[in-house]
Amino acid sequence: MATAWGRGHAETGEWLEVYGETEPRSVPLERILATDTDEAHPFTAYLYVWTLGYSREARRTEVTLLFPAEGDWRVKDLQAVVYHLPPVQEERAWRDTLARDLQVAGPILEAITAGLTGSPTFPDLNAVASIAAHLNARSAPQIQNDEWYVRRVHDTVDETLYQGVEWILPPSFVNQIGTRVTGALLVQFIGAAHGAPEDTPAPPLLARATLTHGKESTALPGGPATDPYVRLPLHVTPEEPLP
């Protein structure tokens, strides 16, 4: 296993970076759903992180991570976050909103964890709940009138189908975070046999961003001779299915 990063710049000085595991392992679907502790697979997830920097006024920001829908696996997106470092300028409002969100989610996560601790049915779901709680606590809340959100997207690049997630961040929200904004996506890789030739080159993970102010847009990376994507090598190793 190895972690790497890639970075791209715009001519105006803005930049986008992505980093994460380049040699993840995929898990056969039947092991994820197995109820026998001897057959169930430990919960394995990977965090892919993006960071962008800008030097002018805060803008509407769109960031996209794309995973190739090729090879003997598929990606399952589990949770998206935008990190913030407290205290922000409107920390009290953010903290109140985050507290309300955690108050709603807390009993649910506690019930799941309590019900699954030591359970032979799905022994690793309590790990899922713990990771979700940790990421929720670190993520910026959705503030009224400044709500960031994500959506599932797809695209075709170099004749390869890609599937991924896009973050939409309003300017006032970006301004609260600062001139360096970081988000992350928690994913799991699921084995899915296709029978592609073994010597087929593995397509990379792709990242791109767009900063918009009025009618002016800046692409990251950008420039006439620049690759429109930050590329991160991605070699997913499938595990053997159950006999």
C-alpha atoms as a PDB file:
ATOM      1  CA  MET A   1       0.000   0.000   0.000  1.00  0.00           C
ATOM      2  CA  ALA A   2       1.206   3.500  -0.813  1.00  0.00           C
ATOM      3  CA  THR A   3      -0.050   7.062  -0.443  1.00  0.00           C
ATOM      4  CA  ALA A   4       0.742   9.718  -3.035  1.00  0.00           C
ATOM      5  CA  TRP A   5      -0.330  13.215  -4.021  1.00  0.00           C
ATOM      6  CA  GLY A   6      -0.730  15.249  -7.178  1.00  0.00           C
ATOM      7  CA  ARG A   7      -1.108  18.997  -7.711  1.00  0.00           C
ATOM      8  CA  GLY A   8      -2.193  21.314 -10.511  1.00  0.00           C
ATOM      9  CA  HIS A   9      -2.069  25.102 -10.880  1.00  0.00           C
ATOM     10  CA  ALA A  10      -3.918  27.846 -12.697  1.00  0.00           C
ATOM     11  CA  GLU A  11      -2.172  30.745 -14.441  1.00  0.00           C
ATOM     12  CA  THR A  12      -3.598  33.081 -11.786  1.00  0.00           C
ATOM     13  CA  GLY A  13      -1.863  31.208  -8.962  1.00  0.00           C
ATOM     14  CA  GLU A  14      -4.693  29.095  -7.580  1.00  0.00           C
ATOM     15  CA  TRP A  15      -3.920  25.409  -7.051  1.00  0.00           C
ATOM     16  CA  LEU A  16      -5.614  22.081  -6.435  1.00  0.00           C
ATOM     17  CA  GLU A  17      -4.074  19.049  -4.736  1.00  0.00           C
ATOM     18  CA  VAL A  18      -5.382  15.530  -4.174  1.00  0.00           C
ATOM     19  CA  TYR A  19      -3.838  12.724  -2.154  1.00  0.00           C
ATOM     20  CA  GLY A  20      -4.754   9.246  -1.016  1.00  0.00           C
ATOM     21  CA  GLU A  21      -4.038   5.537  -1.292  1.00  0.00           C
ATOM     22  CA  THR A  22      -2.770   4.504  -4.744  1.00  0.00           C
ATOM     23  CA  GLU A  23      -2.837   0.743  -4.136  1.00  0.00           C
ATOM     24  CA  PRO A  24      -6.114   0.007  -2.333  1.00  0.00           C
ATOM     25  CA  ARG A  25      -7.625  -3.466  -1.952  1.00  0.00           C
ATOM     26  CA  SER A  26     -11.086  -4.341  -3.181  1.00  0.00           C
ATOM     27  CA  VAL A  27     -13.405  -6.539  -1.124  1.00  0.00           C
ATOM     28  CA  PRO A  28     -15.736  -9.146  -2.673  1.00  0.00           C
ATOM     29  CA  LEU A  29     -19.359  -8.157  -2.167  1.00  0.00           C
ATOM     30  CA  GLU A  30     -20.240 -11.503  -0.597  1.00  0.00           C
ATOM     31  CA  ARG A  31     -17.699 -10.909   2.175  1.00  0.00           C
ATOM     32  CA  ILE A  32     -19.134  -7.485   3.010  1.00  0.00           C
ATOM     33  CA  LEU A  33     -22.588  -8.997   3.469  1.00  0.00           C
ATOM     34  CA  ALA A  34     -21.413 -12.214   5.131  1.00  0.00           C
ATOM     35  CA  THR A  35     -23.003 -12.819   8.535  1.00  0.00           C
ATOM     36  CA  ASP A  36     -20.582 -15.570   9.586  1.00  0.00           C
ATOM     37  CA  THR A  37     -17.666 -14.123  11.543  1.00  0.00           C
ATOM     38  CA  ASP A  38     -15.354 -16.655   9.874  1.00  0.00           C
ATOM     39  CA  GLU A  39     -16.336 -15.384   6.423  1.00  0.00           C
ATOM     40  CA  ALA A  40     -16.971 -11.680   7.065  1.00  0.00           C
ATOM     41  CA  HIS A  41     -14.252  -9.273   5.962  1.00  0.00           C
ATOM     42  CA  PRO A  42     -12.936  -6.481   8.228  1.00  0.00           C
ATOM     43  CA  PHE A  43     -14.291  -3.077   7.251  1.00  0.00           C
ATOM     44  CA  THR A  44     -11.737  -1.479   4.941  1.00  0.00           C
ATOM     45  CA  ALA A  45     -12.271   2.057   3.685  1.00  0.00           C
ATOM     46  CA  TYR A  46      -9.999   4.687   2.167  1.00  0.00           C
ATOM     47  CA  LEU A  47      -9.994   8.464   2.520  1.00  0.00           C
ATOM     48  CA  TYR A  48      -9.193  10.606  -0.536  1.00  0.00           C
ATOM     49  CA  VAL A  49      -8.461  14.223   0.341  1.00  0.00           C
ATOM     50  CA  TRP A  50      -8.464  17.341  -1.828  1.00  0.00           C
ATOM     51  CA  THR A  51      -7.145  20.784  -0.948  1.00  0.00           C
ATOM     52  CA  LEU A  52      -7.278  23.990  -2.980  1.00  0.00           C
ATOM     53  CA  GLY A  53      -5.737  27.391  -2.465  1.00  0.00           C
ATOM     54  CA  TYR A  54      -6.887  30.742  -3.818  1.00  0.00           C
ATOM     55  CA  SER A  55      -5.487  34.238  -3.402  1.00  0.00           C
ATOM     56  CA  ARG A  56      -8.315  36.488  -4.513  1.00  0.00           C
ATOM     57  CA  GLU A  57     -11.831  36.981  -3.112  1.00  0.00           C
ATOM     58  CA  ALA A  58     -13.783  33.878  -2.094  1.00  0.00           C
ATOM     59  CA  ARG A  59     -15.746  32.367  -4.954  1.00  0.00           C
ATOM     60  CA  ARG A  60     -18.369  29.738  -5.573  1.00  0.00           C
ATOM     61  CA  THR A  61     -16.308  26.569  -5.606  1.00  0.00           C
ATOM     62  CA  GLU A  62     -16.952  23.243  -7.274  1.00  0.00           C
ATOM     63  CA  VAL A  63     -14.584  20.332  -6.666  1.00  0.00           C
ATOM     64  CA  THR A  64     -14.925  16.930  -8.345  1.00  0.00           C
ATOM     65  CA  LEU A  65     -13.261  13.598  -7.621  1.00  0.00           C
ATOM     66  CA  LEU A  66     -13.678  10.957 -10.328  1.00  0.00           C
ATOM     67  CA  PHE A  67     -12.902   7.233 -10.121  1.00  0.00           C
ATOM     68  CA  PRO A  68     -12.620   5.113 -13.278  1.00  0.00           C
ATOM     69  CA  ALA A  69     -15.486   2.669 -13.787  1.00  0.00           C
ATOM     70  CA  GLU A  70     -13.136   0.134 -15.341  1.00  0.00           C
ATOM     71  CA  GLY A  71     -11.358  -3.051 -14.306  1.00  0.00           C
ATOM     72  CA  ASP A  72     -12.409  -5.676 -11.786  1.00  0.00           C
ATOM     73  CA  TRP A  73     -13.831  -3.347  -9.153  1.00  0.00           C
ATOM     74  CA  ARG A  74     -16.268  -0.541  -8.450  1.00  0.00           C
ATOM     75  CA  VAL A  75     -16.018   2.304  -5.963  1.00  0.00           C
ATOM     76  CA  LYS A  76     -18.663   2.820  -3.287  1.00  0.00           C
ATOM     77  CA  ASP A  77     -18.770   6.373  -1.943  1.00  0.00           C
ATOM     78  CA  LEU A  78     -19.619   6.354   1.759  1.00  0.00           C
ATOM     79  CA  GLN A  79     -19.248   9.872   3.182  1.00  0.00           C
ATOM     80  CA  ALA A  80     -18.146  13.332   2.033  1.00  0.00           C
ATOM     81  CA  VAL A  81     -16.851  16.098   4.299  1.00  0.00           C
ATOM     82  CA  VAL A  82     -15.413  19.600   4.213  1.00  0.00           C
ATOM     83  CA  TYR A  83     -12.920  20.191   7.008  1.00  0.00           C
ATOM     84  CA  HIS A  84     -12.814  23.371   9.062  1.00  0.00           C
ATOM     85  CA  LEU A  85     -10.466  24.588  11.762  1.00  0.00           C
ATOM     86  CA  PRO A  86     -12.310  26.208  14.678  1.00  0.00           C
ATOM     87  CA  PRO A  87     -12.853  28.897  15.598  1.00  0.00           C
ATOM     88  CA  VAL A  88     -14.096  30.386  12.327  1.00  0.00           C
ATOM     89  CA  GLN A  89     -15.407  33.957  12.231  1.00  0.00           C
ATOM     90  CA  GLU A  90     -18.980  32.818  12.938  1.00  0.00           C
ATOM     91  CA  GLU A  91     -17.925  29.966  15.241  1.00  0.00           C
ATOM     92  CA  ARG A  92     -20.888  30.251  17.606  1.00  0.00           C
ATOM     93  CA  ALA A  93     -23.413  29.845  14.805  1.00  0.00           C
ATOM     94  CA  TRP A  94     -21.391  26.971  13.322  1.00  0.00           C
ATOM     95  CA  ARG A  95     -21.003  25.299  16.704  1.00  0.00           C
ATOM     96  CA  ASP A  96     -24.736  25.556  17.464  1.00  0.00           C
ATOM     97  CA  THR A  97     -25.587  24.023  14.092  1.00  0.00           C
ATOM     98  CA  LEU A  98     -23.023  21.252  14.497  1.00  0.00           C
ATOM     99  CA  ALA A  99     -24.321  20.510  18.009  1.00  0.00           C
ATOM    100  CA  ARG A 100     -27.872  20.177  16.687  1.00  0.00           C
ATOM    101  CA  ASP A 101     -26.685  17.862  13.918  1.00  0.00           C
ATOM    102  CA  LEU A 102     -24.744  15.690  16.347  1.00  0.00           C
ATOM    103  CA  GLN A 103     -27.682  15.674  18.763  1.00  0.00           C
ATOM    104  CA  VAL A 104     -29.880  14.230  16.038  1.00  0.00           C
ATOM    105  CA  ALA A 105     -27.300  11.720  14.812  1.00  0.00           C
ATOM    106  CA  GLY A 106     -25.882  10.807  18.225  1.00  0.00           C
ATOM    107  CA  PRO A 107     -28.683   8.547  19.521  1.00  0.00           C
ATOM    108  CA  ILE A 108     -28.847   6.733  16.190  1.00  0.00           C
ATOM    109  CA  LEU A 109     -25.105   6.035  16.151  1.00  0.00           C
ATOM    110  CA  GLU A 110     -25.145   5.040  19.827  1.00  0.00           C
ATOM    111  CA  ALA A 111     -28.000   2.607  19.241  1.00  0.00           C
ATOM    112  CA  ILE A 112     -26.236   1.079  16.261  1.00  0.00           C
ATOM    113  CA  THR A 113     -22.957   0.746  18.145  1.00  0.00           C
ATOM    114  CA  ALA A 114     -24.636  -0.680  21.259  1.00  0.00           C
ATOM    115  CA  GLY A 115     -26.635  -3.145  19.241  1.00  0.00           C
ATOM    116  CA  LEU A 116     -23.696  -4.304  17.173  1.00  0.00           C
ATOM    117  CA  THR A 117     -20.945  -4.491  19.776  1.00  0.00           C
ATOM    118  CA  GLY A 118     -19.982  -8.129  19.934  1.00  0.00           C
ATOM    119  CA  SER A 119     -22.703  -9.063  17.469  1.00  0.00           C
ATOM    120  CA  PRO A 120     -21.834 -12.033  15.243  1.00  0.00           C
ATOM    121  CA  THR A 121     -24.194 -10.836  12.532  1.00  0.00           C
ATOM    122  CA  PHE A 122     -22.328  -7.843  11.118  1.00  0.00           C
ATOM    123  CA  PRO A 123     -19.203  -7.572  13.292  1.00  0.00           C
ATOM    124  CA  ASP A 124     -17.717  -4.542  11.522  1.00  0.00           C
ATOM    125  CA  LEU A 125     -20.720  -2.224  11.252  1.00  0.00           C
ATOM    126  CA  ASN A 126     -19.808  -0.680  14.608  1.00  0.00           C
ATOM    127  CA  ALA A 127     -16.496   0.367  12.999  1.00  0.00           C
ATOM    128  CA  VAL A 128     -18.496   2.042  10.217  1.00  0.00           C
ATOM    129  CA  ALA A 129     -20.546   3.951  12.796  1.00  0.00           C
ATOM    130  CA  SER A 130     -17.411   5.073  14.655  1.00  0.00           C
ATOM    131  CA  ILE A 131     -15.748   6.366  11.491  1.00  0.00           C
ATOM    132  CA  ALA A 132     -18.933   8.184  10.446  1.00  0.00           C
ATOM    133  CA  ALA A 133     -19.164   9.879  13.851  1.00  0.00           C
ATOM    134  CA  HIS A 134     -15.517  10.965  13.686  1.00  0.00           C
ATOM    135  CA  LEU A 135     -15.903  12.481  10.212  1.00  0.00           C
ATOM    136  CA  ASN A 136     -19.153  14.233  11.154  1.00  0.00           C
ATOM    137  CA  ALA A 137     -17.443  15.853  14.125  1.00  0.00           C
ATOM    138  CA  ARG A 138     -14.619  17.150  11.907  1.00  0.00           C
ATOM    139  CA  SER A 139     -16.781  18.332   9.023  1.00  0.00           C
ATOM    140  CA  ALA A 140     -18.131  21.850   8.599  1.00  0.00           C
ATOM    141  CA  PRO A 141     -21.908  22.038   9.236  1.00  0.00           C
ATOM    142  CA  GLN A 142     -24.516  23.251   6.790  1.00  0.00           C
ATOM    143  CA  ILE A 143     -25.299  26.819   7.803  1.00  0.00           C
ATOM    144  CA  GLN A 144     -28.593  28.357   6.689  1.00  0.00           C
ATOM    145  CA  ASN A 145     -28.112  30.433   3.497  1.00  0.00           C
ATOM    146  CA  ASP A 146     -24.507  29.151   3.259  1.00  0.00           C
ATOM    147  CA  GLU A 147     -25.199  25.452   2.789  1.00  0.00           C
ATOM    148  CA  TRP A 148     -22.556  23.375   1.044  1.00  0.00           C
ATOM    149  CA  TYR A 149     -23.602  20.079  -0.466  1.00  0.00           C
ATOM    150  CA  VAL A 150     -22.420  17.199  -2.627  1.00  0.00           C
ATOM    151  CA  ARG A 151     -23.870  15.274  -5.512  1.00  0.00           C
ATOM    152  CA  ARG A 152     -22.978  12.099  -7.397  1.00  0.00           C
ATOM    153  CA  VAL A 153     -21.702  12.729 -10.921  1.00  0.00           C
ATOM    154  CA  HIS A 154     -20.206  10.919 -13.905  1.00  0.00           C
ATOM    155  CA  ASP A 155     -18.116  11.885 -16.928  1.00  0.00           C
ATOM    156  CA  THR A 156     -16.249  10.326 -19.828  1.00  0.00           C
ATOM    157  CA  VAL A 157     -12.547  11.167 -20.030  1.00  0.00           C
ATOM    158  CA  ASP A 158     -10.140   9.679 -22.580  1.00  0.00           C
ATOM    159  CA  GLU A 159     -12.935   7.285 -23.648  1.00  0.00           C
ATOM    160  CA  THR A 160     -13.169   5.961 -20.078  1.00  0.00           C
ATOM    161  CA  LEU A 161     -16.321   6.228 -17.975  1.00  0.00           C
ATOM    162  CA  TYR A 162     -15.722   7.872 -14.605  1.00  0.00           C
ATOM    163  CA  GLN A 163     -18.002   8.018 -11.572  1.00  0.00           C
ATOM    164  CA  GLY A 164     -17.516  10.318  -8.638  1.00  0.00           C
ATOM    165  CA  VAL A 165     -18.679  13.047  -6.282  1.00  0.00           C
ATOM    166  CA  GLU A 166     -18.844  16.824  -6.651  1.00  0.00           C
ATOM    167  CA  TRP A 167     -18.743  19.371  -3.824  1.00  0.00           C
ATOM    168  CA  ILE A 168     -20.603  22.697  -4.204  1.00  0.00           C
ATOM    169  CA  LEU A 169     -19.410  25.421  -1.820  1.00  0.00           C
ATOM    170  CA  PRO A 170     -20.975  28.937  -1.739  1.00  0.00           C
ATOM    171  CA  PRO A 171     -18.624  31.971  -1.575  1.00  0.00           C
ATOM    172  CA  SER A 172     -19.584  33.026   1.967  1.00  0.00           C
ATOM    173  CA  PHE A 173     -18.907  29.496   3.227  1.00  0.00           C
ATOM    174  CA  VAL A 174     -15.515  29.420   1.494  1.00  0.00           C
ATOM    175  CA  ASN A 175     -14.669  32.795   3.015  1.00  0.00           C
ATOM    176  CA  GLN A 176     -15.290  31.372   6.503  1.00  0.00           C
ATOM    177  CA  ILE A 177     -12.974  28.421   5.855  1.00  0.00           C
ATOM    178  CA  GLY A 178     -10.099  30.580   4.570  1.00  0.00           C
ATOM    179  CA  THR A 179      -7.913  30.704   1.458  1.00  0.00           C
ATOM    180  CA  ARG A 180      -7.034  27.009   1.828  1.00  0.00           C
ATOM    181  CA  VAL A 181     -10.041  24.688   1.641  1.00  0.00           C
ATOM    182  CA  THR A 182      -9.917  20.934   2.268  1.00  0.00           C
ATOM    183  CA  GLY A 183     -12.480  18.206   1.739  1.00  0.00           C
ATOM    184  CA  ALA A 184     -12.440  14.432   1.698  1.00  0.00           C
ATOM    185  CA  LEU A 185     -14.336  11.407   0.457  1.00  0.00           C
ATOM    186  CA  LEU A 186     -14.502   8.077   2.278  1.00  0.00           C
ATOM    187  CA  VAL A 187     -14.845   5.179  -0.152  1.00  0.00           C
ATOM    188  CA  GLN A 188     -14.752   1.410  -0.304  1.00  0.00           C
ATOM    189  CA  PHE A 189     -13.663  -0.646  -3.293  1.00  0.00           C
ATOM    190  CA  ILE A 190     -15.886  -3.588  -4.225  1.00  0.00           C
ATOM    191  CA  GLY A 191     -14.624  -6.454  -6.355  1.00  0.00           C
ATOM    192  CA  ALA A 192     -16.577  -6.846  -9.613  1.00  0.00           C
ATOM    193  CA  ALA A 193     -15.158  -9.264 -12.209  1.00  0.00           C
ATOM    194  CA  HIS A 194     -15.221  -8.013 -15.784  1.00  0.00           C
ATOM    195  CA  GLY A 195     -12.557 -10.031 -17.599  1.00  0.00           C
ATOM    196  CA  ALA A 196     -10.565  -7.091 -18.968  1.00  0.00           C
ATOM    197  CA  PRO A 197      -7.075  -7.957 -20.281  1.00  0.00           C
ATOM    198  CA  GLU A 198      -4.489  -7.926 -17.497  1.00  0.00           C
ATOM    199  CA  ASP A 199      -2.150  -5.662 -19.437  1.00  0.00           C
ATOM    200  CA  THR A 200      -4.786  -2.912 -19.735  1.00  0.00           C
ATOM    201  CA  PRO A 201      -3.329   0.295 -18.194  1.00  0.00           C
ATOM    202  CA  ALA A 202      -5.092   1.287 -14.971  1.00  0.00           C
ATOM    203  CA  PRO A 203      -6.814   4.681 -15.401  1.00  0.00           C
ATOM    204  CA  PRO A 204      -5.989   7.225 -12.672  1.00  0.00           C
ATOM    205  CA  LEU A 205      -8.186   8.988 -10.153  1.00  0.00           C
ATOM    206  CA  LEU A 206      -9.048  12.469 -11.480  1.00  0.00           C
ATOM    207  CA  ALA A 207      -9.652  15.734  -9.647  1.00  0.00           C
ATOM    208  CA  ARG A 208     -10.736  19.133 -10.922  1.00  0.00           C
ATOM    209  CA  ALA A 209     -12.170  22.358  -9.511  1.00  0.00           C
ATOM    210  CA  THR A 210     -13.890  25.503 -10.764  1.00  0.00           C
ATOM    211  CA  LEU A 211     -13.911  28.857  -8.965  1.00  0.00           C
ATOM    212  CA  THR A 212     -16.726  31.138 -10.157  1.00  0.00           C
ATOM    213  CA  HIS A 213     -17.310  34.844  -9.490  1.00  0.00           C
ATOM    214  CA  GLY A 214     -20.104  36.347 -11.586  1.00  0.00           C
ATOM    215  CA  LYS A 215     -19.332  35.522 -15.220  1.00  0.00           C
ATOM    216  CA  GLU A 216     -15.666  34.824 -14.518  1.00  0.00           C
ATOM    217  CA  SER A 217     -14.528  31.245 -13.926  1.00  0.00           C
ATOM    218  CA  THR A 218     -11.119  29.787 -13.107  1.00  0.00           C
ATOM    219  CA  ALA A 219     -10.453  26.103 -13.770  1.00  0.00           C
ATOM    220  CA  LEU A 220      -8.058  24.106 -11.606  1.00  0.00           C
ATOM    221  CA  PRO A 221      -5.781  22.988 -13.066  1.00  0.00           C
ATOM    222  CA  GLY A 222      -5.916  25.572 -15.856  1.00  0.00           C
ATOM    223  CA  GLY A 223      -4.076  27.123 -18.778  1.00  0.00           C
ATOM    224  CA  PRO A 224      -3.864  26.451 -22.530  1.00  0.00           C
ATOM    225  CA  ALA A 225      -1.218  23.721 -22.237  1.00  0.00           C
ATOM    226  CA  THR A 226      -2.335  22.303 -18.901  1.00  0.00           C
ATOM    227  CA  ASP A 227      -3.946  18.942 -18.248  1.00  0.00           C
ATOM    228  CA  PRO A 228      -7.501  19.778 -17.080  1.00  0.00           C
ATOM    229  CA  TYR A 229      -7.212  17.201 -14.276  1.00  0.00           C
ATOM    230  CA  VAL A 230      -4.974  16.449 -11.350  1.00  0.00           C
ATOM    231  CA  ARG A 231      -4.208  12.736 -11.778  1.00  0.00           C
ATOM    232  CA  LEU A 232      -3.439  10.245  -9.034  1.00  0.00           C
ATOM    233  CA  PRO A 233      -2.290   6.707  -9.921  1.00  0.00           C
ATOM    234  CA  LEU A 234      -4.830   4.095  -8.868  1.00  0.00           C
ATOM    235  CA  HIS A 235      -4.041   0.373  -8.910  1.00  0.00           C
ATOM    236  CA  VAL A 236      -6.783  -1.567  -7.148  1.00  0.00           C
ATOM    237  CA  THR A 237      -5.816  -5.109  -6.154  1.00  0.00           C
ATOM    238  CA  PRO A 238      -8.809  -7.464  -5.984  1.00  0.00           C
ATOM    239  CA  GLU A 239      -8.990 -10.039  -3.262  1.00  0.00           C
ATOM    240  CA  GLU A 240      -9.875 -13.611  -4.068  1.00  0.00           C
ATOM    241  CA  PRO A 241     -13.612 -14.363  -3.734  1.00  0.00           C
ATOM    242  CA  LEU A 242     -14.852 -16.927  -1.267  1.00  0.00           C
ATOM    243  CA  PRO A 243     -14.570 -20.534  -2.552  1.00  0.00           C
END
